[in-house]
Amino acid sequence: MDLVKSHLLLAVREEVELLREQIKELSERRAALERENGALRAVATPQQLARLQ
């Protein structure tokens, strides 16, 4: 039984690590997209911004 439990815990830990890495990558991507969005909004005309509403 301990072997099964150990195997299951290892599998869960590995999955958690993968999910943490995914979260990190997605957070970095979101931050980059927010910066890009801010830069684009800074150069957009009021008419272009109005179309986004």
PDB file of N, CA and C in Angstrom:
ATOM      1  N   MET A   1       0.827  -1.193   0.000  1.00  0.00           N
ATOM      2  CA  MET A   1       0.000   0.000   0.000  1.00  0.00           C
ATOM      3  C   MET A   1       0.870   1.255   0.000  1.00  0.00           C
ATOM      4  N   ASP A   2       1.970   1.233   0.756  1.00  0.00           N
ATOM      5  CA  ASP A   2       2.855   2.394   0.798  1.00  0.00           C
ATOM      6  C   ASP A   2       3.460   2.683  -0.570  1.00  0.00           C
ATOM      7  N   LEU A   3       3.729   1.634  -1.334  1.00  0.00           N
ATOM      8  CA  LEU A   3       4.292   1.815  -2.669  1.00  0.00           C
ATOM      9  C   LEU A   3       3.293   2.537  -3.576  1.00  0.00           C
ATOM     10  N   VAL A   4       2.041   2.153  -3.490  1.00  0.00           N
ATOM     11  CA  VAL A   4       0.995   2.804  -4.290  1.00  0.00           C
ATOM     12  C   VAL A   4       0.861   4.262  -3.879  1.00  0.00           C
ATOM     13  N   LYS A   5       0.858   4.495  -2.583  1.00  0.00           N
ATOM     14  CA  LYS A   5       0.739   5.863  -2.072  1.00  0.00           C
ATOM     15  C   LYS A   5       1.926   6.714  -2.516  1.00  0.00           C
ATOM     16  N   SER A   6       3.116   6.159  -2.427  1.00  0.00           N
ATOM     17  CA  SER A   6       4.315   6.888  -2.843  1.00  0.00           C
ATOM     18  C   SER A   6       4.272   7.208  -4.330  1.00  0.00           C
ATOM     19  N   HIS A   7       3.855   6.250  -5.122  1.00  0.00           N
ATOM     20  CA  HIS A   7       3.764   6.463  -6.562  1.00  0.00           C
ATOM     21  C   HIS A   7       2.741   7.551  -6.885  1.00  0.00           C
ATOM     22  N   LEU A   8       1.623   7.500  -6.219  1.00  0.00           N
ATOM     23  CA  LEU A   8       0.574   8.497  -6.436  1.00  0.00           C
ATOM     24  C   LEU A   8       1.046   9.886  -6.022  1.00  0.00           C
ATOM     25  N   LEU A   9       1.708   9.993  -4.885  1.00  0.00           N
ATOM     26  CA  LEU A   9       2.227  11.283  -4.430  1.00  0.00           C
ATOM     27  C   LEU A   9       3.262  11.838  -5.403  1.00  0.00           C
ATOM     28  N   LEU A  10       4.112  10.986  -5.920  1.00  0.00           N
ATOM     29  CA  LEU A  10       5.109  11.421  -6.898  1.00  0.00           C
ATOM     30  C   LEU A  10       4.427  11.940  -8.162  1.00  0.00           C
ATOM     31  N   ALA A  11       3.427  11.226  -8.629  1.00  0.00           N
ATOM     32  CA  ALA A  11       2.703  11.644  -9.828  1.00  0.00           C
ATOM     33  C   ALA A  11       2.020  12.991  -9.608  1.00  0.00           C
ATOM     34  N   VAL A  12       1.438  13.166  -8.440  1.00  0.00           N
ATOM     35  CA  VAL A  12       0.766  14.429  -8.125  1.00  0.00           C
ATOM     36  C   VAL A  12       1.781  15.561  -8.043  1.00  0.00           C
ATOM     37  N   ARG A  13       2.911  15.320  -7.411  1.00  0.00           N
ATOM     38  CA  ARG A  13       3.954  16.357  -7.314  1.00  0.00           C
ATOM     39  C   ARG A  13       4.451  16.769  -8.696  1.00  0.00           C
ATOM     40  N   GLU A  14       4.636  15.799  -9.573  1.00  0.00           N
ATOM     41  CA  GLU A  14       5.086  16.104 -10.932  1.00  0.00           C
ATOM     42  C   GLU A  14       4.046  16.942 -11.670  1.00  0.00           C
ATOM     43  N   GLU A  15       2.792  16.582 -11.507  1.00  0.00           N
ATOM     44  CA  GLU A  15       1.715  17.330 -12.159  1.00  0.00           C
ATOM     45  C   GLU A  15       1.632  18.750 -11.608  1.00  0.00           C
ATOM     46  N   VAL A  16       1.786  18.900 -10.318  1.00  0.00           N
ATOM     47  CA  VAL A  16       1.771  20.229  -9.699  1.00  0.00           C
ATOM     48  C   VAL A  16       2.911  21.074 -10.250  1.00  0.00           C
ATOM     49  N   GLU A  17       4.077  20.486 -10.391  1.00  0.00           N
ATOM     50  CA  GLU A  17       5.223  21.219 -10.931  1.00  0.00           C
ATOM     51  C   GLU A  17       4.955  21.661 -12.367  1.00  0.00           C
ATOM     52  N   LEU A  18       4.379  20.782 -13.171  1.00  0.00           N
ATOM     53  CA  LEU A  18       4.029  21.148 -14.545  1.00  0.00           C
ATOM     54  C   LEU A  18       3.019  22.292 -14.568  1.00  0.00           C
ATOM     55  N   LEU A  19       2.038  22.217 -13.712  1.00  0.00           N
ATOM     56  CA  LEU A  19       1.018  23.266 -13.663  1.00  0.00           C
ATOM     57  C   LEU A  19       1.604  24.591 -13.195  1.00  0.00           C
ATOM     58  N   ARG A  20       2.516  24.547 -12.244  1.00  0.00           N
ATOM     59  CA  ARG A  20       3.177  25.779 -11.792  1.00  0.00           C
ATOM     60  C   ARG A  20       3.967  26.420 -12.926  1.00  0.00           C
ATOM     61  N   GLU A  21       4.643  25.600 -13.707  1.00  0.00           N
ATOM     62  CA  GLU A  21       5.410  26.113 -14.848  1.00  0.00           C
ATOM     63  C   GLU A  21       4.473  26.729 -15.886  1.00  0.00           C
ATOM     64  N   GLN A  22       3.346  26.064 -16.128  1.00  0.00           N
ATOM     65  CA  GLN A  22       2.358  26.605 -17.067  1.00  0.00           C
ATOM     66  C   GLN A  22       1.825  27.945 -16.577  1.00  0.00           C
ATOM     67  N   ILE A  23       1.534  28.032 -15.298  1.00  0.00           N
ATOM     68  CA  ILE A  23       1.032  29.279 -14.717  1.00  0.00           C
ATOM     69  C   ILE A  23       2.060  30.386 -14.891  1.00  0.00           C
ATOM     70  N   LYS A  24       3.323  30.065 -14.641  1.00  0.00           N
ATOM     71  CA  LYS A  24       4.395  31.056 -14.797  1.00  0.00           C
ATOM     72  C   LYS A  24       4.468  31.546 -16.238  1.00  0.00           C
ATOM     73  N   GLU A  25       4.456  30.612 -17.193  1.00  0.00           N
ATOM     74  CA  GLU A  25       4.533  30.977 -18.608  1.00  0.00           C
ATOM     75  C   GLU A  25       3.330  31.817 -19.029  1.00  0.00           C
ATOM     76  N   LEU A  26       2.148  31.426 -18.580  1.00  0.00           N
ATOM     77  CA  LEU A  26       0.943  32.177 -18.937  1.00  0.00           C
ATOM     78  C   LEU A  26       0.945  33.565 -18.311  1.00  0.00           C
ATOM     79  N   SER A  27       1.444  33.682 -17.102  1.00  0.00           N
ATOM     80  CA  SER A  27       1.536  34.991 -16.450  1.00  0.00           C
ATOM     81  C   SER A  27       2.497  35.904 -17.200  1.00  0.00           C
ATOM     82  N   GLU A  28       3.626  35.345 -17.625  1.00  0.00           N
ATOM     83  CA  GLU A  28       4.591  36.132 -18.399  1.00  0.00           C
ATOM     84  C   GLU A  28       3.995  36.558 -19.733  1.00  0.00           C
ATOM     85  N   ARG A  29       3.272  35.656 -20.375  1.00  0.00           N
ATOM     86  CA  ARG A  29       2.629  35.974 -21.665  1.00  0.00           C
ATOM     87  C   ARG A  29       1.582  37.066 -21.477  1.00  0.00           C
ATOM     88  N   ARG A  30       0.785  36.954 -20.421  1.00  0.00           N
ATOM     89  CA  ARG A  30      -0.235  37.961 -20.138  1.00  0.00           C
ATOM     90  C   ARG A  30       0.402  39.325 -19.926  1.00  0.00           C
ATOM     91  N   ALA A  31       1.481  39.376 -19.168  1.00  0.00           N
ATOM     92  CA  ALA A  31       2.164  40.645 -18.914  1.00  0.00           C
ATOM     93  C   ALA A  31       2.685  41.250 -20.215  1.00  0.00           C
ATOM     94  N   ALA A  32       3.239  40.414 -21.087  1.00  0.00           N
ATOM     95  CA  ALA A  32       3.734  40.907 -22.381  1.00  0.00           C
ATOM     96  C   ALA A  32       2.588  41.441 -23.228  1.00  0.00           C
ATOM     97  N   LEU A  33       1.469  40.739 -23.229  1.00  0.00           N
ATOM     98  CA  LEU A  33       0.310  41.194 -23.999  1.00  0.00           C
ATOM     99  C   LEU A  33      -0.258  42.495 -23.435  1.00  0.00           C
ATOM    100  N   GLU A  34      -0.244  42.635 -22.114  1.00  0.00           N
ATOM    101  CA  GLU A  34      -0.723  43.880 -21.507  1.00  0.00           C
ATOM    102  C   GLU A  34       0.180  45.051 -21.881  1.00  0.00           C
ATOM    103  N   ARG A  35       1.494  44.815 -21.911  1.00  0.00           N
ATOM    104  CA  ARG A  35       2.424  45.871 -22.339  1.00  0.00           C
ATOM    105  C   ARG A  35       2.178  46.244 -23.796  1.00  0.00           C
ATOM    106  N   GLU A  36       2.011  45.234 -24.626  1.00  0.00           N
ATOM    107  CA  GLU A  36       1.751  45.481 -26.048  1.00  0.00           C
ATOM    108  C   GLU A  36       0.437  46.234 -26.224  1.00  0.00           C
ATOM    109  N   ASN A  37      -0.574  45.845 -25.489  1.00  0.00           N
ATOM    110  CA  ASN A  37      -1.869  46.507 -25.553  1.00  0.00           C
ATOM    111  C   ASN A  37      -1.734  47.975 -25.150  1.00  0.00           C
ATOM    112  N   GLY A  38      -0.992  48.236 -24.093  1.00  0.00           N
ATOM    113  CA  GLY A  38      -0.782  49.614 -23.650  1.00  0.00           C
ATOM    114  C   GLY A  38      -0.061  50.440 -24.698  1.00  0.00           C
ATOM    115  N   ALA A  39       0.951  49.850 -25.327  1.00  0.00           N
ATOM    116  CA  ALA A  39       1.695  50.564 -26.367  1.00  0.00           C
ATOM    117  C   ALA A  39       0.802  50.857 -27.567  1.00  0.00           C
ATOM    118  N   LEU A  40      -0.011  49.894 -27.949  1.00  0.00           N
ATOM    119  CA  LEU A  40      -0.911  50.109 -29.085  1.00  0.00           C
ATOM    120  C   LEU A  40      -1.976  51.153 -28.770  1.00  0.00           C
ATOM    121  N   ARG A  41      -2.503  51.119 -27.560  1.00  0.00           N
ATOM    122  CA  ARG A  41      -3.501  52.125 -27.172  1.00  0.00           C
ATOM    123  C   ARG A  41      -2.890  53.523 -27.133  1.00  0.00           C
ATOM    124  N   ALA A  42      -1.612  53.601 -26.804  1.00  0.00           N
ATOM    125  CA  ALA A  42      -0.946  54.900 -26.722  1.00  0.00           C
ATOM    126  C   ALA A  42      -0.824  55.562 -28.092  1.00  0.00           C
ATOM    127  N   VAL A  43      -0.739  54.775 -29.146  1.00  0.00           N
ATOM    128  CA  VAL A  43      -0.584  55.349 -30.487  1.00  0.00           C
ATOM    129  C   VAL A  43      -1.875  55.316 -31.308  1.00  0.00           C
ATOM    130  N   ALA A  44      -2.917  54.729 -30.756  1.00  0.00           N
ATOM    131  CA  ALA A  44      -4.191  54.641 -31.473  1.00  0.00           C
ATOM    132  C   ALA A  44      -4.901  55.990 -31.449  1.00  0.00           C
ATOM    133  N   THR A  45      -5.653  56.233 -32.500  1.00  0.00           N
ATOM    134  CA  THR A  45      -6.445  57.466 -32.562  1.00  0.00           C
ATOM    135  C   THR A  45      -7.691  57.299 -31.699  1.00  0.00           C
ATOM    136  N   PRO A  46      -8.314  58.405 -31.298  1.00  0.00           N
ATOM    137  CA  PRO A  46      -9.562  58.299 -30.529  1.00  0.00           C
ATOM    138  C   PRO A  46     -10.645  57.515 -31.279  1.00  0.00           C
ATOM    139  N   GLN A  47     -10.682  57.643 -32.589  1.00  0.00           N
ATOM    140  CA  GLN A  47     -11.679  56.902 -33.375  1.00  0.00           C
ATOM    141  C   GLN A  47     -11.421  55.393 -33.300  1.00  0.00           C
ATOM    142  N   GLN A  48     -10.166  55.012 -33.363  1.00  0.00           N
ATOM    143  CA  GLN A  48      -9.831  53.589 -33.259  1.00  0.00           C
ATOM    144  C   GLN A  48     -10.188  53.055 -31.877  1.00  0.00           C
ATOM    145  N   LEU A  49      -9.908  53.847 -30.858  1.00  0.00           N
ATOM    146  CA  LEU A  49     -10.238  53.417 -29.495  1.00  0.00           C
ATOM    147  C   LEU A  49     -11.745  53.319 -29.304  1.00  0.00           C
ATOM    148  N   ALA A  50     -12.488  54.235 -29.931  1.00  0.00           N
ATOM    149  CA  ALA A  50     -13.949  54.211 -29.809  1.00  0.00           C
ATOM    150  C   ALA A  50     -14.519  52.929 -30.415  1.00  0.00           C
ATOM    151  N   ARG A  51     -13.898  52.430 -31.468  1.00  0.00           N
ATOM    152  CA  ARG A  51     -14.373  51.189 -32.102  1.00  0.00           C
ATOM    153  C   ARG A  51     -14.157  49.975 -31.204  1.00  0.00           C
ATOM    154  N   LEU A  52     -13.261  50.079 -30.246  1.00  0.00           N
ATOM    155  CA  LEU A  52     -12.999  48.967 -29.331  1.00  0.00           C
ATOM    156  C   LEU A  52     -14.058  48.851 -28.241  1.00  0.00           C
ATOM    157  N   GLN A  53     -14.787  49.897 -28.035  1.00  0.00           N
ATOM    158  CA  GLN A  53     -15.786  49.917 -26.959  1.00  0.00           C
ATOM    159  C   GLN A  53     -16.943  49.010 -27.255  1.00  0.00           C
TER     160      GLN A  53
END
